[in-house]
Amino acid sequence: MGQTLREMSQSMKELEDMLIEGTLPEEAYADTKEMILLDMQDKAVGYMKVDLNLDDYIEAANREIARVTAIKKKLQNAKQNLRNRIKEAMIHAGVDKIAKDDKSVTITLGKAPETCKIIDVEDLAPEWYDVEVKKKPRTAEIKKALKEGIDVFGAELGEGSRSLRIY
């Protein structure tokens, strides 16, 4: 089995070090570099074939997740509908408790908690509001200032992550 991409990268680095140190002639460097680059190209294309094949598996998994999620949602709705029917029937009949003689099932209707209903939110006085303040750095403005040479305490320019494009 051939080298991994990481091993090829390491071989390329070692090759460059040997050239810099003068332990490898330029012609040998060029030939060896070309061989490593061809192997790297073949390996990368192989990786991409696997990558593209995985897309099909991912799509199939997403379809299966959607199918099972739909089944789960139907079961949850059916369960909630059953409970709502029992609750409505008990309220309509004025029954607070249903119990089997063998005590295998007991159903009770709890008392409704007291709630606060807001009739018109605009009529409320300011003291009845919670105010939320969210701090969020304005990164675009900070980046611009840093590029212009302005010191911004707590921030510095850095290099982002390089992207991989496959055509």
N, C-alpha and C. Protein backbone atom coordinates (compact mmCIF):
# COMPACT_ATOMS: atom_id res chain seq x y z
N MET A 1 0.85 -1.19 0.00
CA MET A 1 0.00 0.00 0.00
C MET A 1 0.89 1.24 0.00
N GLY A 2 0.51 2.26 -0.77
CA GLY A 2 1.30 3.47 -0.90
C GLY A 2 1.19 4.36 0.31
N GLN A 3 1.80 5.51 0.21
CA GLN A 3 1.79 6.47 1.30
C GLN A 3 0.43 7.17 1.41
N THR A 4 0.14 7.63 2.61
CA THR A 4 -1.05 8.46 2.81
C THR A 4 -0.72 9.88 2.36
N LEU A 5 -1.74 10.71 2.22
CA LEU A 5 -1.51 12.11 1.84
C LEU A 5 -0.62 12.80 2.87
N ARG A 6 -0.81 12.51 4.13
CA ARG A 6 0.01 13.11 5.18
C ARG A 6 1.47 12.69 5.03
N GLU A 7 1.68 11.41 4.75
CA GLU A 7 3.05 10.93 4.56
C GLU A 7 3.68 11.56 3.32
N MET A 8 2.89 11.74 2.27
CA MET A 8 3.41 12.41 1.07
C MET A 8 3.79 13.85 1.37
N SER A 9 2.96 14.54 2.15
CA SER A 9 3.28 15.92 2.53
C SER A 9 4.58 15.96 3.34
N GLN A 10 4.73 15.00 4.24
CA GLN A 10 5.96 14.93 5.04
C GLN A 10 7.16 14.64 4.14
N SER A 11 7.00 13.76 3.17
CA SER A 11 8.09 13.45 2.23
C SER A 11 8.48 14.70 1.45
N MET A 12 7.47 15.49 1.05
CA MET A 12 7.74 16.72 0.31
C MET A 12 8.53 17.69 1.19
N LYS A 13 8.17 17.80 2.46
CA LYS A 13 8.88 18.69 3.39
C LYS A 13 10.32 18.23 3.56
N GLU A 14 10.53 16.92 3.75
CA GLU A 14 11.87 16.38 3.90
C GLU A 14 12.69 16.62 2.63
N LEU A 15 12.07 16.49 1.49
CA LEU A 15 12.74 16.72 0.21
C LEU A 15 13.20 18.18 0.11
N GLU A 16 12.33 19.12 0.49
CA GLU A 16 12.69 20.53 0.46
C GLU A 16 13.81 20.83 1.44
N ASP A 17 13.78 20.20 2.62
CA ASP A 17 14.85 20.38 3.61
C ASP A 17 16.18 19.90 3.05
N MET A 18 16.16 18.76 2.35
CA MET A 18 17.40 18.21 1.77
C MET A 18 17.94 19.16 0.70
N LEU A 19 17.06 19.77 -0.08
CA LEU A 19 17.50 20.71 -1.11
C LEU A 19 18.14 21.93 -0.47
N ILE A 20 17.49 22.46 0.58
CA ILE A 20 18.00 23.63 1.28
C ILE A 20 19.35 23.33 1.92
N GLU A 21 19.47 22.13 2.51
CA GLU A 21 20.73 21.74 3.16
C GLU A 21 21.83 21.45 2.14
N GLY A 22 21.45 21.26 0.90
CA GLY A 22 22.44 20.98 -0.14
C GLY A 22 22.80 19.51 -0.24
N THR A 23 22.03 18.63 0.38
CA THR A 23 22.32 17.19 0.34
C THR A 23 21.62 16.51 -0.83
N LEU A 24 20.88 17.29 -1.62
CA LEU A 24 20.15 16.73 -2.75
C LEU A 24 20.31 17.66 -3.95
N PRO A 25 20.78 17.13 -5.08
CA PRO A 25 20.93 17.98 -6.27
C PRO A 25 19.56 18.44 -6.77
N GLU A 26 19.55 19.61 -7.43
CA GLU A 26 18.29 20.19 -7.92
C GLU A 26 17.56 19.28 -8.89
N GLU A 27 18.29 18.60 -9.73
CA GLU A 27 17.66 17.71 -10.71
C GLU A 27 16.95 16.55 -10.02
N ALA A 28 17.62 15.97 -9.01
CA ALA A 28 17.01 14.87 -8.25
C ALA A 28 15.79 15.39 -7.48
N TYR A 29 15.91 16.62 -6.95
CA TYR A 29 14.79 17.24 -6.24
C TYR A 29 13.59 17.37 -7.17
N ALA A 30 13.81 17.92 -8.37
CA ALA A 30 12.71 18.14 -9.32
C ALA A 30 12.05 16.83 -9.72
N ASP A 31 12.86 15.80 -10.00
CA ASP A 31 12.29 14.50 -10.39
C ASP A 31 11.49 13.88 -9.26
N THR A 32 12.06 13.91 -8.06
CA THR A 32 11.39 13.29 -6.90
C THR A 32 10.11 14.07 -6.56
N LYS A 33 10.20 15.39 -6.62
CA LYS A 33 9.02 16.22 -6.32
C LYS A 33 7.90 15.91 -7.30
N GLU A 34 8.23 15.77 -8.58
CA GLU A 34 7.24 15.46 -9.60
C GLU A 34 6.57 14.12 -9.33
N MET A 35 7.36 13.11 -8.92
CA MET A 35 6.80 11.79 -8.61
C MET A 35 5.86 11.88 -7.41
N ILE A 36 6.28 12.61 -6.39
CA ILE A 36 5.43 12.74 -5.19
C ILE A 36 4.14 13.47 -5.54
N LEU A 37 4.25 14.53 -6.35
CA LEU A 37 3.05 15.29 -6.74
C LEU A 37 2.09 14.45 -7.57
N LEU A 38 2.61 13.59 -8.45
CA LEU A 38 1.74 12.71 -9.23
C LEU A 38 1.04 11.70 -8.32
N ASP A 39 1.81 11.13 -7.37
CA ASP A 39 1.19 10.20 -6.42
C ASP A 39 0.14 10.91 -5.57
N MET A 40 0.45 12.15 -5.17
CA MET A 40 -0.48 12.92 -4.35
C MET A 40 -1.76 13.21 -5.13
N GLN A 41 -1.59 13.54 -6.41
CA GLN A 41 -2.75 13.81 -7.26
C GLN A 41 -3.63 12.56 -7.39
N ASP A 42 -3.00 11.41 -7.63
CA ASP A 42 -3.77 10.16 -7.74
C ASP A 42 -4.49 9.84 -6.43
N LYS A 43 -3.79 10.03 -5.32
CA LYS A 43 -4.38 9.73 -4.01
C LYS A 43 -5.55 10.68 -3.73
N ALA A 44 -5.38 11.96 -4.04
CA ALA A 44 -6.44 12.95 -3.80
C ALA A 44 -7.66 12.64 -4.66
N VAL A 45 -7.46 12.25 -5.90
CA VAL A 45 -8.59 11.88 -6.77
C VAL A 45 -9.30 10.65 -6.20
N GLY A 46 -8.53 9.70 -5.70
CA GLY A 46 -9.14 8.52 -5.07
C GLY A 46 -9.96 8.90 -3.85
N TYR A 47 -9.42 9.80 -3.03
CA TYR A 47 -10.15 10.28 -1.86
C TYR A 47 -11.46 10.93 -2.30
N MET A 48 -11.41 11.72 -3.37
CA MET A 48 -12.61 12.43 -3.81
C MET A 48 -13.66 11.47 -4.36
N LYS A 49 -13.23 10.37 -4.97
CA LYS A 49 -14.20 9.37 -5.43
C LYS A 49 -14.94 8.78 -4.23
N VAL A 50 -14.21 8.51 -3.17
CA VAL A 50 -14.85 8.01 -1.94
C VAL A 50 -15.76 9.09 -1.36
N ASP A 51 -15.29 10.33 -1.36
CA ASP A 51 -16.06 11.46 -0.84
C ASP A 51 -17.40 11.58 -1.58
N LEU A 52 -17.34 11.53 -2.89
CA LEU A 52 -18.57 11.65 -3.68
C LEU A 52 -19.50 10.47 -3.45
N ASN A 53 -18.95 9.27 -3.27
CA ASN A 53 -19.75 8.09 -2.97
C ASN A 53 -20.43 8.24 -1.61
N LEU A 54 -19.73 8.85 -0.66
CA LEU A 54 -20.32 9.07 0.67
C LEU A 54 -21.51 10.01 0.60
N ASP A 55 -21.50 10.93 -0.37
CA ASP A 55 -22.66 11.83 -0.53
C ASP A 55 -23.94 11.04 -0.76
N ASP A 56 -23.85 9.97 -1.54
CA ASP A 56 -25.03 9.13 -1.79
C ASP A 56 -25.52 8.48 -0.50
N TYR A 57 -24.59 7.98 0.31
CA TYR A 57 -24.96 7.37 1.58
C TYR A 57 -25.56 8.40 2.54
N ILE A 58 -24.99 9.60 2.54
CA ILE A 58 -25.51 10.66 3.41
C ILE A 58 -26.92 11.02 2.99
N GLU A 59 -27.17 11.14 1.70
CA GLU A 59 -28.51 11.46 1.20
C GLU A 59 -29.50 10.36 1.57
N ALA A 60 -29.08 9.12 1.43
CA ALA A 60 -29.95 8.00 1.81
C ALA A 60 -30.25 8.03 3.31
N ALA A 61 -29.23 8.36 4.10
CA ALA A 61 -29.44 8.46 5.55
C ALA A 61 -30.40 9.59 5.88
N ASN A 62 -30.27 10.72 5.19
CA ASN A 62 -31.17 11.85 5.41
C ASN A 62 -32.62 11.48 5.06
N ARG A 63 -32.80 10.74 3.97
CA ARG A 63 -34.16 10.31 3.61
C ARG A 63 -34.72 9.36 4.68
N GLU A 64 -33.88 8.47 5.19
CA GLU A 64 -34.33 7.53 6.21
C GLU A 64 -34.67 8.26 7.51
N ILE A 65 -33.84 9.25 7.86
CA ILE A 65 -34.11 10.06 9.05
C ILE A 65 -35.45 10.77 8.91
N ALA A 66 -35.70 11.34 7.73
CA ALA A 66 -36.96 12.04 7.48
C ALA A 66 -38.14 11.07 7.58
N ARG A 67 -37.97 9.87 7.04
CA ARG A 67 -39.05 8.87 7.07
C ARG A 67 -39.36 8.46 8.52
N VAL A 68 -38.32 8.16 9.28
CA VAL A 68 -38.52 7.73 10.67
C VAL A 68 -39.04 8.89 11.53
N THR A 69 -38.58 10.10 11.26
CA THR A 69 -39.06 11.27 11.99
C THR A 69 -40.55 11.47 11.73
N ALA A 70 -40.99 11.26 10.50
CA ALA A 70 -42.42 11.39 10.17
C ALA A 70 -43.24 10.35 10.92
N ILE A 71 -42.72 9.13 11.00
CA ILE A 71 -43.42 8.07 11.75
C ILE A 71 -43.50 8.45 13.22
N LYS A 72 -42.39 8.92 13.77
CA LYS A 72 -42.35 9.33 15.18
C LYS A 72 -43.37 10.42 15.45
N LYS A 73 -43.44 11.42 14.55
CA LYS A 73 -44.37 12.52 14.72
C LYS A 73 -45.82 12.02 14.68
N LYS A 74 -46.13 11.09 13.77
CA LYS A 74 -47.48 10.52 13.70
C LYS A 74 -47.83 9.79 15.00
N LEU A 75 -46.88 9.03 15.53
CA LEU A 75 -47.13 8.30 16.78
C LEU A 75 -47.34 9.27 17.95
N GLN A 76 -46.52 10.34 17.99
CA GLN A 76 -46.68 11.34 19.05
C GLN A 76 -48.03 12.03 18.95
N ASN A 77 -48.44 12.36 17.72
CA ASN A 77 -49.75 12.99 17.52
C ASN A 77 -50.89 12.06 17.92
N ALA A 78 -50.77 10.78 17.56
CA ALA A 78 -51.81 9.81 17.92
C ALA A 78 -51.91 9.69 19.44
N LYS A 79 -50.77 9.65 20.11
CA LYS A 79 -50.76 9.56 21.58
C LYS A 79 -51.42 10.80 22.18
N GLN A 80 -51.06 11.99 21.68
CA GLN A 80 -51.64 13.22 22.21
C GLN A 80 -53.14 13.30 21.93
N ASN A 81 -53.56 12.83 20.76
CA ASN A 81 -54.99 12.82 20.44
C ASN A 81 -55.77 11.93 21.39
N LEU A 82 -55.22 10.76 21.72
CA LEU A 82 -55.87 9.86 22.67
C LEU A 82 -56.03 10.55 24.03
N ARG A 83 -54.96 11.18 24.49
CA ARG A 83 -55.01 11.86 25.79
C ARG A 83 -56.01 13.03 25.77
N ASN A 84 -56.04 13.77 24.65
CA ASN A 84 -56.98 14.89 24.54
C ASN A 84 -58.43 14.39 24.57
N ARG A 85 -58.69 13.26 23.92
CA ARG A 85 -60.05 12.70 23.91
C ARG A 85 -60.47 12.30 25.32
N ILE A 86 -59.56 11.66 26.04
CA ILE A 86 -59.87 11.26 27.42
C ILE A 86 -60.15 12.49 28.27
N LYS A 87 -59.27 13.50 28.15
CA LYS A 87 -59.42 14.73 28.93
C LYS A 87 -60.74 15.43 28.62
N GLU A 88 -61.07 15.58 27.33
CA GLU A 88 -62.32 16.23 26.93
C GLU A 88 -63.54 15.46 27.45
N ALA A 89 -63.48 14.14 27.35
CA ALA A 89 -64.60 13.32 27.83
C ALA A 89 -64.76 13.47 29.34
N MET A 90 -63.66 13.47 30.07
CA MET A 90 -63.74 13.62 31.53
C MET A 90 -64.29 14.98 31.92
N ILE A 91 -63.82 16.04 31.23
CA ILE A 91 -64.31 17.39 31.52
C ILE A 91 -65.81 17.47 31.20
N HIS A 92 -66.20 16.97 30.04
CA HIS A 92 -67.61 17.01 29.62
C HIS A 92 -68.51 16.23 30.59
N ALA A 93 -68.02 15.10 31.09
CA ALA A 93 -68.82 14.27 32.01
C ALA A 93 -68.71 14.73 33.46
N GLY A 94 -67.79 15.66 33.74
CA GLY A 94 -67.61 16.14 35.11
C GLY A 94 -66.92 15.10 35.99
N VAL A 95 -66.09 14.27 35.40
CA VAL A 95 -65.38 13.22 36.13
C VAL A 95 -63.93 13.66 36.34
N ASP A 96 -63.45 13.58 37.60
CA ASP A 96 -62.07 13.96 37.89
C ASP A 96 -61.13 12.76 37.98
N LYS A 97 -61.69 11.54 38.09
CA LYS A 97 -60.83 10.38 38.26
C LYS A 97 -61.48 9.15 37.64
N ILE A 98 -60.65 8.37 36.94
CA ILE A 98 -61.07 7.08 36.41
C ILE A 98 -60.05 6.07 36.90
N ALA A 99 -60.53 5.00 37.52
CA ALA A 99 -59.61 3.98 38.04
C ALA A 99 -60.18 2.61 37.77
N LYS A 100 -59.33 1.69 37.35
CA LYS A 100 -59.72 0.30 37.14
C LYS A 100 -59.74 -0.39 38.51
N ASP A 101 -60.62 -1.36 38.64
CA ASP A 101 -60.70 -2.10 39.90
C ASP A 101 -59.39 -2.79 40.23
N ASP A 102 -58.69 -3.29 39.21
CA ASP A 102 -57.42 -3.97 39.46
C ASP A 102 -56.26 -2.99 39.65
N LYS A 103 -56.55 -1.70 39.62
CA LYS A 103 -55.58 -0.62 39.82
C LYS A 103 -54.44 -0.64 38.80
N SER A 104 -54.70 -1.23 37.63
CA SER A 104 -53.67 -1.24 36.58
C SER A 104 -53.54 0.14 35.93
N VAL A 105 -54.63 0.91 35.94
CA VAL A 105 -54.61 2.25 35.35
C VAL A 105 -55.45 3.18 36.21
N THR A 106 -54.90 4.35 36.48
CA THR A 106 -55.65 5.40 37.16
C THR A 106 -55.42 6.68 36.37
N ILE A 107 -56.50 7.36 36.04
CA ILE A 107 -56.41 8.61 35.28
C ILE A 107 -57.06 9.69 36.12
N THR A 108 -56.33 10.76 36.35
CA THR A 108 -56.91 11.87 37.12
C THR A 108 -56.79 13.14 36.30
N LEU A 109 -57.75 14.02 36.52
CA LEU A 109 -57.76 15.31 35.86
C LEU A 109 -57.29 16.34 36.88
N GLY A 110 -56.14 16.92 36.65
CA GLY A 110 -55.57 17.88 37.59
C GLY A 110 -56.31 19.21 37.52
N LYS A 111 -56.14 20.00 38.57
CA LYS A 111 -56.75 21.32 38.60
C LYS A 111 -55.94 22.26 37.71
N ALA A 112 -56.63 23.17 37.07
CA ALA A 112 -55.96 24.12 36.18
C ALA A 112 -55.21 25.16 37.02
N PRO A 113 -53.96 25.44 36.69
CA PRO A 113 -53.22 26.46 37.45
C PRO A 113 -53.73 27.85 37.09
N GLU A 114 -53.57 28.77 38.02
CA GLU A 114 -53.95 30.15 37.76
C GLU A 114 -52.92 30.75 36.79
N THR A 115 -53.39 31.47 35.80
CA THR A 115 -52.49 32.05 34.80
C THR A 115 -52.71 33.55 34.71
N CYS A 116 -51.76 34.21 34.11
CA CYS A 116 -51.85 35.64 33.83
C CYS A 116 -51.99 35.81 32.34
N LYS A 117 -53.09 36.41 31.91
CA LYS A 117 -53.31 36.63 30.49
C LYS A 117 -53.08 38.10 30.18
N ILE A 118 -52.18 38.36 29.24
CA ILE A 118 -51.91 39.74 28.83
C ILE A 118 -52.93 40.10 27.75
N ILE A 119 -53.75 41.10 28.04
CA ILE A 119 -54.79 41.50 27.12
C ILE A 119 -54.21 42.38 26.01
N ASP A 120 -53.41 43.38 26.40
CA ASP A 120 -52.76 44.25 25.41
C ASP A 120 -51.37 44.61 25.93
N VAL A 121 -50.37 44.08 25.33
CA VAL A 121 -48.99 44.28 25.79
C VAL A 121 -48.59 45.74 25.74
N GLU A 122 -49.17 46.51 24.84
CA GLU A 122 -48.84 47.93 24.71
C GLU A 122 -49.36 48.76 25.88
N ASP A 123 -50.36 48.26 26.60
CA ASP A 123 -50.93 48.99 27.73
C ASP A 123 -50.13 48.79 29.02
N LEU A 124 -49.20 47.86 29.04
CA LEU A 124 -48.42 47.59 30.25
C LEU A 124 -47.43 48.72 30.52
N ALA A 125 -47.27 49.06 31.80
CA ALA A 125 -46.30 50.08 32.21
C ALA A 125 -44.88 49.53 32.05
N PRO A 126 -43.89 50.38 31.83
CA PRO A 126 -42.51 49.93 31.60
C PRO A 126 -41.94 49.04 32.70
N GLU A 127 -42.37 49.23 33.94
CA GLU A 127 -41.81 48.41 35.03
C GLU A 127 -42.22 46.94 34.95
N TRP A 128 -43.17 46.62 34.08
CA TRP A 128 -43.60 45.23 33.92
C TRP A 128 -42.89 44.52 32.78
N TYR A 129 -41.87 45.15 32.22
CA TYR A 129 -41.09 44.56 31.15
C TYR A 129 -39.72 44.14 31.65
N ASP A 130 -39.21 43.04 31.13
CA ASP A 130 -37.81 42.68 31.30
C ASP A 130 -37.06 43.19 30.08
N VAL A 131 -35.95 43.83 30.32
CA VAL A 131 -35.14 44.35 29.21
C VAL A 131 -33.91 43.46 29.09
N GLU A 132 -33.68 42.96 27.88
CA GLU A 132 -32.51 42.13 27.62
C GLU A 132 -31.52 42.92 26.79
N VAL A 133 -30.27 42.89 27.23
CA VAL A 133 -29.21 43.53 26.48
C VAL A 133 -28.26 42.43 26.04
N LYS A 134 -27.99 42.39 24.74
CA LYS A 134 -27.11 41.36 24.21
C LYS A 134 -25.90 42.04 23.59
N LYS A 135 -24.72 41.68 24.09
CA LYS A 135 -23.49 42.23 23.54
C LYS A 135 -23.02 41.34 22.40
N LYS A 136 -22.76 41.96 21.26
CA LYS A 136 -22.26 41.23 20.11
C LYS A 136 -21.23 42.10 19.42
N PRO A 137 -20.00 41.62 19.32
CA PRO A 137 -18.96 42.43 18.67
C PRO A 137 -19.30 42.68 17.20
N ARG A 138 -19.02 43.89 16.74
CA ARG A 138 -19.22 44.24 15.34
C ARG A 138 -17.93 43.89 14.59
N THR A 139 -17.79 42.60 14.29
CA THR A 139 -16.53 42.09 13.76
C THR A 139 -16.12 42.73 12.44
N ALA A 140 -17.07 43.03 11.58
CA ALA A 140 -16.73 43.65 10.29
C ALA A 140 -16.09 45.02 10.51
N GLU A 141 -16.65 45.80 11.44
CA GLU A 141 -16.11 47.13 11.72
C GLU A 141 -14.75 47.02 12.41
N ILE A 142 -14.61 46.07 13.31
CA ILE A 142 -13.34 45.87 14.01
C ILE A 142 -12.26 45.45 13.02
N LYS A 143 -12.61 44.54 12.11
CA LYS A 143 -11.66 44.09 11.09
C LYS A 143 -11.20 45.26 10.24
N LYS A 144 -12.14 46.11 9.83
CA LYS A 144 -11.82 47.27 9.01
C LYS A 144 -10.86 48.20 9.76
N ALA A 145 -11.14 48.45 11.03
CA ALA A 145 -10.28 49.32 11.84
C ALA A 145 -8.88 48.74 11.97
N LEU A 146 -8.79 47.44 12.22
CA LEU A 146 -7.48 46.80 12.34
C LEU A 146 -6.70 46.89 11.03
N LYS A 147 -7.40 46.71 9.90
CA LYS A 147 -6.74 46.82 8.59
C LYS A 147 -6.23 48.24 8.34
N GLU A 148 -6.93 49.22 8.91
CA GLU A 148 -6.52 50.61 8.75
C GLU A 148 -5.41 50.99 9.73
N GLY A 149 -4.96 50.03 10.55
CA GLY A 149 -3.86 50.28 11.48
C GLY A 149 -4.29 50.79 12.84
N ILE A 150 -5.57 50.80 13.10
CA ILE A 150 -6.07 51.25 14.39
C ILE A 150 -5.96 50.11 15.39
N ASP A 151 -5.39 50.41 16.58
CA ASP A 151 -5.29 49.39 17.62
C ASP A 151 -6.65 49.20 18.27
N VAL A 152 -7.10 47.97 18.32
CA VAL A 152 -8.36 47.64 18.98
C VAL A 152 -8.02 46.66 20.09
N PHE A 153 -8.07 47.13 21.34
CA PHE A 153 -7.74 46.28 22.48
C PHE A 153 -8.70 45.10 22.52
N GLY A 154 -8.16 43.88 22.60
CA GLY A 154 -8.99 42.68 22.67
C GLY A 154 -9.26 42.05 21.31
N ALA A 155 -8.63 42.58 20.25
CA ALA A 155 -8.85 42.01 18.92
C ALA A 155 -7.56 42.09 18.11
N GLU A 156 -7.42 41.19 17.18
CA GLU A 156 -6.27 41.20 16.27
C GLU A 156 -6.68 40.54 14.96
N LEU A 157 -5.96 40.86 13.91
CA LEU A 157 -6.20 40.22 12.62
C LEU A 157 -5.61 38.83 12.63
N GLY A 158 -6.27 37.92 12.03
CA GLY A 158 -5.79 36.55 11.94
C GLY A 158 -6.14 35.99 10.57
N GLU A 159 -5.67 34.79 10.32
CA GLU A 159 -5.96 34.13 9.05
C GLU A 159 -7.10 33.15 9.27
N GLY A 160 -8.08 33.22 8.41
CA GLY A 160 -9.23 32.31 8.49
C GLY A 160 -8.86 30.93 7.98
N SER A 161 -9.83 30.08 7.95
CA SER A 161 -9.66 28.72 7.47
C SER A 161 -9.75 28.68 5.95
N ARG A 162 -8.84 27.98 5.33
CA ARG A 162 -8.87 27.85 3.87
C ARG A 162 -9.98 26.88 3.48
N SER A 163 -10.60 27.14 2.34
CA SER A 163 -11.70 26.29 1.91
C SER A 163 -11.22 25.33 0.83
N LEU A 164 -11.90 24.20 0.73
CA LEU A 164 -11.61 23.20 -0.27
C LEU A 164 -12.72 23.26 -1.30
N ARG A 165 -12.34 23.46 -2.56
CA ARG A 165 -13.34 23.52 -3.64
C ARG A 165 -13.11 22.33 -4.56
N ILE A 166 -14.18 21.67 -4.91
CA ILE A 166 -14.10 20.49 -5.77
C ILE A 166 -15.00 20.76 -6.98
N TYR A 167 -14.43 20.64 -8.16
CA TYR A 167 -15.19 20.94 -9.38
C TYR A 167 -15.43 19.68 -10.16
